[in-house]
PDB file of N, CA and C in Angstrom:
ATOM      1  N   MET A   1       0.850  -1.179   0.000  1.00  0.00           N
ATOM      2  CA  MET A   1       0.000   0.000   0.000  1.00  0.00           C
ATOM      3  C   MET A   1       0.894   1.239   0.000  1.00  0.00           C
ATOM      4  N   ILE A   2       0.501   2.209  -0.764  1.00  0.00           N
ATOM      5  CA  ILE A   2       1.278   3.439  -0.891  1.00  0.00           C
ATOM      6  C   ILE A   2       1.147   4.303   0.361  1.00  0.00           C
ATOM      7  N   LEU A   3      -0.054   4.366   0.920  1.00  0.00           N
ATOM      8  CA  LEU A   3      -0.324   5.204   2.089  1.00  0.00           C
ATOM      9  C   LEU A   3      -0.673   4.327   3.284  1.00  0.00           C
ATOM     10  N   THR A   4      -0.402   4.827   4.470  1.00  0.00           N
ATOM     11  CA  THR A   4      -0.775   4.093   5.677  1.00  0.00           C
ATOM     12  C   THR A   4      -2.275   4.251   5.933  1.00  0.00           C
ATOM     13  N   ASP A   5      -2.824   3.413   6.789  1.00  0.00           N
ATOM     14  CA  ASP A   5      -4.236   3.521   7.118  1.00  0.00           C
ATOM     15  C   ASP A   5      -4.551   4.859   7.788  1.00  0.00           C
ATOM     16  N   HIS A   6      -3.595   5.404   8.547  1.00  0.00           N
ATOM     17  CA  HIS A   6      -3.808   6.717   9.179  1.00  0.00           C
ATOM     18  C   HIS A   6      -3.859   7.829   8.137  1.00  0.00           C
ATOM     19  N   GLN A   7      -3.014   7.732   7.123  1.00  0.00           N
ATOM     20  CA  GLN A   7      -3.027   8.718   6.052  1.00  0.00           C
ATOM     21  C   GLN A   7      -4.330   8.631   5.248  1.00  0.00           C
ATOM     22  N   LEU A   8      -4.793   7.397   4.989  1.00  0.00           N
ATOM     23  CA  LEU A   8      -6.057   7.224   4.278  1.00  0.00           C
ATOM     24  C   LEU A   8      -7.208   7.823   5.068  1.00  0.00           C
ATOM     25  N   SER A   9      -7.222   7.592   6.374  1.00  0.00           N
ATOM     26  CA  SER A   9      -8.276   8.165   7.223  1.00  0.00           C
ATOM     27  C   SER A   9      -8.239   9.685   7.196  1.00  0.00           C
ATOM     28  N   ALA A  10      -7.050  10.261   7.216  1.00  0.00           N
ATOM     29  CA  ALA A  10      -6.922  11.720   7.173  1.00  0.00           C
ATOM     30  C   ALA A  10      -7.476  12.270   5.858  1.00  0.00           C
ATOM     31  N   ILE A  11      -7.261  11.554   4.771  1.00  0.00           N
ATOM     32  CA  ILE A  11      -7.761  11.998   3.469  1.00  0.00           C
ATOM     33  C   ILE A  11      -9.290  12.009   3.452  1.00  0.00           C
ATOM     34  N   VAL A  12      -9.920  10.933   3.912  1.00  0.00           N
ATOM     35  CA  VAL A  12     -11.382  10.922   3.898  1.00  0.00           C
ATOM     36  C   VAL A  12     -11.969  11.869   4.935  1.00  0.00           C
ATOM     37  N   LEU A  13     -11.276  12.073   6.042  1.00  0.00           N
ATOM     38  CA  LEU A  13     -11.746  13.069   7.016  1.00  0.00           C
ATOM     39  C   LEU A  13     -11.729  14.477   6.431  1.00  0.00           C
ATOM     40  N   ALA A  14     -10.803  14.714   5.515  1.00  0.00           N
ATOM     41  CA  ALA A  14     -10.709  16.022   4.859  1.00  0.00           C
ATOM     42  C   ALA A  14     -11.708  16.166   3.711  1.00  0.00           C
ATOM     43  N   GLY A  15     -12.460  15.096   3.425  1.00  0.00           N
ATOM     44  CA  GLY A  15     -13.477  15.168   2.384  1.00  0.00           C
ATOM     45  C   GLY A  15     -13.090  14.520   1.069  1.00  0.00           C
ATOM     46  N   GLY A  16     -11.918  13.897   1.018  1.00  0.00           N
ATOM     47  CA  GLY A  16     -11.482  13.235  -0.212  1.00  0.00           C
ATOM     48  C   GLY A  16     -12.051  11.840  -0.324  1.00  0.00           C
ATOM     49  N   GLY A  17     -12.560  11.508  -1.486  1.00  0.00           N
ATOM     50  CA  GLY A  17     -13.090  10.173  -1.725  1.00  0.00           C
ATOM     51  C   GLY A  17     -11.978   9.203  -2.074  1.00  0.00           C
ATOM     52  N   LEU A  18     -12.187   7.928  -1.751  1.00  0.00           N
ATOM     53  CA  LEU A  18     -11.186   6.901  -2.021  1.00  0.00           C
ATOM     54  C   LEU A  18     -11.822   5.648  -2.591  1.00  0.00           C
ATOM     55  N   VAL A  19     -11.021   4.927  -3.356  1.00  0.00           N
ATOM     56  CA  VAL A  19     -11.340   3.567  -3.775  1.00  0.00           C
ATOM     57  C   VAL A  19     -10.250   2.701  -3.162  1.00  0.00           C
ATOM     58  N   VAL A  20     -10.634   1.717  -2.344  1.00  0.00           N
ATOM     59  CA  VAL A  20      -9.653   0.872  -1.666  1.00  0.00           C
ATOM     60  C   VAL A  20      -9.887  -0.596  -2.011  1.00  0.00           C
ATOM     61  N   ASP A  21      -8.836  -1.377  -1.885  1.00  0.00           N
ATOM     62  CA  ASP A  21      -8.857  -2.804  -2.147  1.00  0.00           C
ATOM     63  C   ASP A  21      -8.960  -3.527  -0.798  1.00  0.00           C
ATOM     64  N   ALA A  22     -10.089  -4.167  -0.545  1.00  0.00           N
ATOM     65  CA  ALA A  22     -10.351  -4.773   0.766  1.00  0.00           C
ATOM     66  C   ALA A  22      -9.244  -5.701   1.262  1.00  0.00           C
ATOM     67  N   PRO A  23      -8.669  -6.572   0.416  1.00  0.00           N
ATOM     68  CA  PRO A  23      -7.658  -7.495   0.945  1.00  0.00           C
ATOM     69  C   PRO A  23      -6.374  -6.823   1.461  1.00  0.00           C
ATOM     70  N   THR A  24      -6.184  -5.557   1.134  1.00  0.00           N
ATOM     71  CA  THR A  24      -4.967  -4.872   1.588  1.00  0.00           C
ATOM     72  C   THR A  24      -5.130  -4.245   2.967  1.00  0.00           C
ATOM     73  N   LEU A  25      -6.344  -4.309   3.512  1.00  0.00           N
ATOM     74  CA  LEU A  25      -6.630  -3.701   4.814  1.00  0.00           C
ATOM     75  C   LEU A  25      -7.309  -4.723   5.722  1.00  0.00           C
ATOM     76  N   THR A  26      -7.103  -4.569   7.010  1.00  0.00           N
ATOM     77  CA  THR A  26      -7.833  -5.408   7.956  1.00  0.00           C
ATOM     78  C   THR A  26      -9.261  -4.891   8.059  1.00  0.00           C
ATOM     79  N   PHE A  27     -10.148  -5.712   8.624  1.00  0.00           N
ATOM     80  CA  PHE A  27     -11.514  -5.254   8.812  1.00  0.00           C
ATOM     81  C   PHE A  27     -11.551  -4.023   9.710  1.00  0.00           C
ATOM     82  N   SER A  28     -10.728  -4.013  10.738  1.00  0.00           N
ATOM     83  CA  SER A  28     -10.681  -2.856  11.646  1.00  0.00           C
ATOM     84  C   SER A  28     -10.266  -1.589  10.904  1.00  0.00           C
ATOM     85  N   GLU A  29      -9.304  -1.716  10.003  1.00  0.00           N
ATOM     86  CA  GLU A  29      -8.873  -0.557   9.210  1.00  0.00           C
ATOM     87  C   GLU A  29      -9.982  -0.098   8.270  1.00  0.00           C
ATOM     88  N   LEU A  30     -10.681  -1.060   7.654  1.00  0.00           N
ATOM     89  CA  LEU A  30     -11.813  -0.700   6.793  1.00  0.00           C
ATOM     90  C   LEU A  30     -12.899   0.005   7.591  1.00  0.00           C
ATOM     91  N   HIS A  31     -13.167  -0.492   8.783  1.00  0.00           N
ATOM     92  CA  HIS A  31     -14.195   0.131   9.624  1.00  0.00           C
ATOM     93  C   HIS A  31     -13.788   1.556  10.012  1.00  0.00           C
ATOM     94  N   ALA A  32     -12.533   1.738  10.374  1.00  0.00           N
ATOM     95  CA  ALA A  32     -12.049   3.082  10.718  1.00  0.00           C
ATOM     96  C   ALA A  32     -12.177   4.018   9.520  1.00  0.00           C
ATOM     97  N   LEU A  33     -11.881   3.517   8.324  1.00  0.00           N
ATOM     98  CA  LEU A  33     -12.038   4.336   7.119  1.00  0.00           C
ATOM     99  C   LEU A  33     -13.501   4.700   6.892  1.00  0.00           C
ATOM    100  N   ALA A  34     -14.397   3.754   7.124  1.00  0.00           N
ATOM    101  CA  ALA A  34     -15.825   4.033   6.960  1.00  0.00           C
ATOM    102  C   ALA A  34     -16.278   5.117   7.931  1.00  0.00           C
ATOM    103  N   VAL A  35     -15.852   5.024   9.171  1.00  0.00           N
ATOM    104  CA  VAL A  35     -16.201   6.049  10.166  1.00  0.00           C
ATOM    105  C   VAL A  35     -15.642   7.405   9.734  1.00  0.00           C
ATOM    106  N   SER A  36     -14.409   7.414   9.252  1.00  0.00           N
ATOM    107  CA  SER A  36     -13.798   8.668   8.786  1.00  0.00           C
ATOM    108  C   SER A  36     -14.527   9.225   7.583  1.00  0.00           C
ATOM    109  N   ALA A  37     -14.981   8.349   6.694  1.00  0.00           N
ATOM    110  CA  ALA A  37     -15.744   8.797   5.522  1.00  0.00           C
ATOM    111  C   ALA A  37     -17.046   9.465   5.959  1.00  0.00           C
ATOM    112  N   GLN A  38     -17.700   8.877   6.944  1.00  0.00           N
ATOM    113  CA  GLN A  38     -18.934   9.479   7.462  1.00  0.00           C
ATOM    114  C   GLN A  38     -18.635  10.841   8.081  1.00  0.00           C
ATOM    115  N   ASP A  39     -17.615  10.898   8.913  1.00  0.00           N
ATOM    116  CA  ASP A  39     -17.268  12.154   9.582  1.00  0.00           C
ATOM    117  C   ASP A  39     -16.812  13.225   8.590  1.00  0.00           C
ATOM    118  N   GLY A  40     -16.105  12.810   7.546  1.00  0.00           N
ATOM    119  CA  GLY A  40     -15.602  13.756   6.549  1.00  0.00           C
ATOM    120  C   GLY A  40     -16.547  14.006   5.401  1.00  0.00           C
ATOM    121  N   LYS A  41     -17.719  13.362   5.458  1.00  0.00           N
ATOM    122  CA  LYS A  41     -18.728  13.507   4.404  1.00  0.00           C
ATOM    123  C   LYS A  41     -18.147  13.190   3.023  1.00  0.00           C
ATOM    124  N   SER A  42     -17.359  12.118   2.959  1.00  0.00           N
ATOM    125  CA  SER A  42     -16.726  11.720   1.706  1.00  0.00           C
ATOM    126  C   SER A  42     -17.206  10.340   1.282  1.00  0.00           C
ATOM    127  N   GLN A  43     -16.886   9.985   0.049  1.00  0.00           N
ATOM    128  CA  GLN A  43     -17.294   8.701  -0.510  1.00  0.00           C
ATOM    129  C   GLN A  43     -16.160   7.691  -0.401  1.00  0.00           C
ATOM    130  N   LEU A  44     -16.515   6.456  -0.103  1.00  0.00           N
ATOM    131  CA  LEU A  44     -15.557   5.370   0.002  1.00  0.00           C
ATOM    132  C   LEU A  44     -16.085   4.202  -0.825  1.00  0.00           C
ATOM    133  N   VAL A  45     -15.257   3.697  -1.735  1.00  0.00           N
ATOM    134  CA  VAL A  45     -15.601   2.526  -2.533  1.00  0.00           C
ATOM    135  C   VAL A  45     -14.641   1.415  -2.134  1.00  0.00           C
ATOM    136  N   VAL A  46     -15.191   0.258  -1.800  1.00  0.00           N
ATOM    137  CA  VAL A  46     -14.380  -0.886  -1.388  1.00  0.00           C
ATOM    138  C   VAL A  46     -14.504  -1.959  -2.470  1.00  0.00           C
ATOM    139  N   GLN A  47     -13.366  -2.339  -3.034  1.00  0.00           N
ATOM    140  CA  GLN A  47     -13.322  -3.355  -4.080  1.00  0.00           C
ATOM    141  C   GLN A  47     -12.828  -4.677  -3.525  1.00  0.00           C
ATOM    142  N   ASN A  48     -13.071  -5.742  -4.285  1.00  0.00           N
ATOM    143  CA  ASN A  48     -12.591  -7.083  -3.933  1.00  0.00           C
ATOM    144  C   ASN A  48     -13.039  -7.503  -2.536  1.00  0.00           C
ATOM    145  N   VAL A  49     -14.345  -7.478  -2.317  1.00  0.00           N
ATOM    146  CA  VAL A  49     -14.906  -7.749  -0.997  1.00  0.00           C
ATOM    147  C   VAL A  49     -15.255  -9.217  -0.772  1.00  0.00           C
ATOM    148  N   ALA A  50     -14.817 -10.104  -1.652  1.00  0.00           N
ATOM    149  CA  ALA A  50     -15.174 -11.522  -1.540  1.00  0.00           C
ATOM    150  C   ALA A  50     -14.731 -12.133  -0.211  1.00  0.00           C
ATOM    151  N   GLY A  51     -13.704 -11.605   0.409  1.00  0.00           N
ATOM    152  CA  GLY A  51     -13.220 -12.130   1.677  1.00  0.00           C
ATOM    153  C   GLY A  51     -13.988 -11.631   2.886  1.00  0.00           C
ATOM    154  N   LEU A  52     -14.950 -10.757   2.672  1.00  0.00           N
ATOM    155  CA  LEU A  52     -15.750 -10.218   3.778  1.00  0.00           C
ATOM    156  C   LEU A  52     -17.108 -10.896   3.823  1.00  0.00           C
ATOM    157  N   THR A  53     -17.653 -11.046   5.010  1.00  0.00           N
ATOM    158  CA  THR A  53     -18.982 -11.640   5.155  1.00  0.00           C
ATOM    159  C   THR A  53     -20.054 -10.575   4.941  1.00  0.00           C
ATOM    160  N   ALA A  54     -21.275 -11.030   4.727  1.00  0.00           N
ATOM    161  CA  ALA A  54     -22.401 -10.103   4.596  1.00  0.00           C
ATOM    162  C   ALA A  54     -22.559  -9.278   5.867  1.00  0.00           C
ATOM    163  N   GLU A  55     -22.318  -9.895   7.008  1.00  0.00           N
ATOM    164  CA  GLU A  55     -22.409  -9.171   8.288  1.00  0.00           C
ATOM    165  C   GLU A  55     -21.358  -8.062   8.361  1.00  0.00           C
ATOM    166  N   GLN A  56     -20.155  -8.347   7.907  1.00  0.00           N
ATOM    167  CA  GLN A  56     -19.105  -7.321   7.900  1.00  0.00           C
ATOM    168  C   GLN A  56     -19.468  -6.181   6.955  1.00  0.00           C
ATOM    169  N   LEU A  57     -20.025  -6.505   5.800  1.00  0.00           N
ATOM    170  CA  LEU A  57     -20.446  -5.456   4.868  1.00  0.00           C
ATOM    171  C   LEU A  57     -21.543  -4.594   5.485  1.00  0.00           C
ATOM    172  N   GLN A  58     -22.464  -5.222   6.193  1.00  0.00           N
ATOM    173  CA  GLN A  58     -23.518  -4.467   6.875  1.00  0.00           C
ATOM    174  C   GLN A  58     -22.934  -3.556   7.949  1.00  0.00           C
ATOM    175  N   THR A  59     -21.954  -4.042   8.680  1.00  0.00           N
ATOM    176  CA  THR A  59     -21.311  -3.239   9.722  1.00  0.00           C
ATOM    177  C   THR A  59     -20.637  -2.023   9.109  1.00  0.00           C
ATOM    178  N   LEU A  60     -19.948  -2.230   8.003  1.00  0.00           N
ATOM    179  CA  LEU A  60     -19.294  -1.109   7.316  1.00  0.00           C
ATOM    180  C   LEU A  60     -20.336  -0.124   6.790  1.00  0.00           C
ATOM    181  N   ALA A  61     -21.401  -0.639   6.196  1.00  0.00           N
ATOM    182  CA  ALA A  61     -22.455   0.234   5.663  1.00  0.00           C
ATOM    183  C   ALA A  61     -23.103   1.058   6.770  1.00  0.00           C
ATOM    184  N   ALA A  62     -23.307   0.441   7.930  1.00  0.00           N
ATOM    185  CA  ALA A  62     -23.916   1.160   9.055  1.00  0.00           C
ATOM    186  C   ALA A  62     -22.991   2.247   9.598  1.00  0.00           C
ATOM    187  N   ALA A  63     -21.687   2.062   9.442  1.00  0.00           N
ATOM    188  CA  ALA A  63     -20.726   3.059   9.927  1.00  0.00           C
ATOM    189  C   ALA A  63     -20.695   4.294   9.032  1.00  0.00           C
ATOM    190  N   ALA A  64     -21.131   4.136   7.775  1.00  0.00           N
ATOM    191  CA  ALA A  64     -21.087   5.257   6.825  1.00  0.00           C
ATOM    192  C   ALA A  64     -22.290   5.193   5.889  1.00  0.00           C
ATOM    193  N   PRO A  65     -23.492   5.341   6.416  1.00  0.00           N
ATOM    194  CA  PRO A  65     -24.690   5.226   5.571  1.00  0.00           C
ATOM    195  C   PRO A  65     -24.674   6.210   4.411  1.00  0.00           C
ATOM    196  N   GLY A  66     -24.835   5.670   3.199  1.00  0.00           N
ATOM    197  CA  GLY A  66     -24.872   6.509   2.000  1.00  0.00           C
ATOM    198  C   GLY A  66     -23.513   6.988   1.539  1.00  0.00           C
ATOM    199  N   ARG A  67     -22.460   6.641   2.240  1.00  0.00           N
ATOM    200  CA  ARG A  67     -21.121   7.129   1.900  1.00  0.00           C
ATOM    201  C   ARG A  67     -20.179   6.009   1.472  1.00  0.00           C
ATOM    202  N   ILE A  68     -20.624   4.760   1.583  1.00  0.00           N
ATOM    203  CA  ILE A  68     -19.753   3.646   1.241  1.00  0.00           C
ATOM    204  C   ILE A  68     -20.429   2.765   0.191  1.00  0.00           C
ATOM    205  N   SER A  69     -19.649   2.328  -0.772  1.00  0.00           N
ATOM    206  CA  SER A  69     -20.131   1.429  -1.822  1.00  0.00           C
ATOM    207  C   SER A  69     -19.217   0.232  -1.899  1.00  0.00           C
ATOM    208  N   PHE A  70     -19.793  -0.887  -2.286  1.00  0.00           N
ATOM    209  CA  PHE A  70     -19.011  -2.121  -2.418  1.00  0.00           C
ATOM    210  C   PHE A  70     -19.057  -2.576  -3.865  1.00  0.00           C
ATOM    211  N   ASP A  71     -17.897  -2.816  -4.441  1.00  0.00           N
ATOM    212  CA  ASP A  71     -17.806  -3.314  -5.807  1.00  0.00           C
ATOM    213  C   ASP A  71     -17.917  -4.834  -5.755  1.00  0.00           C
ATOM    214  N   LEU A  72     -19.055  -5.357  -6.164  1.00  0.00           N
ATOM    215  CA  LEU A  72     -19.316  -6.789  -6.105  1.00  0.00           C
ATOM    216  C   LEU A  72     -19.049  -7.469  -7.439  1.00  0.00           C
ATOM    217  N   THR A  73     -18.394  -6.783  -8.362  1.00  0.00           N
ATOM    218  CA  THR A  73     -18.179  -7.336  -9.692  1.00  0.00           C
ATOM    219  C   THR A  73     -17.007  -8.296  -9.773  1.00  0.00           C
ATOM    220  N   SER A  74     -16.131  -8.275  -8.787  1.00  0.00           N
ATOM    221  CA  SER A  74     -14.980  -9.171  -8.885  1.00  0.00           C
ATOM    222  C   SER A  74     -14.961 -10.202  -7.790  1.00  0.00           C
TER     223      SER A  74
END
């Protein structure tokens, strides 16, 4: 990963949208990013979510309602 999870959180807190690859982050890091996206009113797209459960996706969605999208195409 080019940026650390703290740097990614700072970007979404500042209002910048991101597209992230789920396997490169832990669930805790993804959740923190979702919370930061909600707080920063930014968009977050999570790709390659096959390794996450439906419950985990729901948890992430609840942390950032309307601000997080999941790419289910791969």
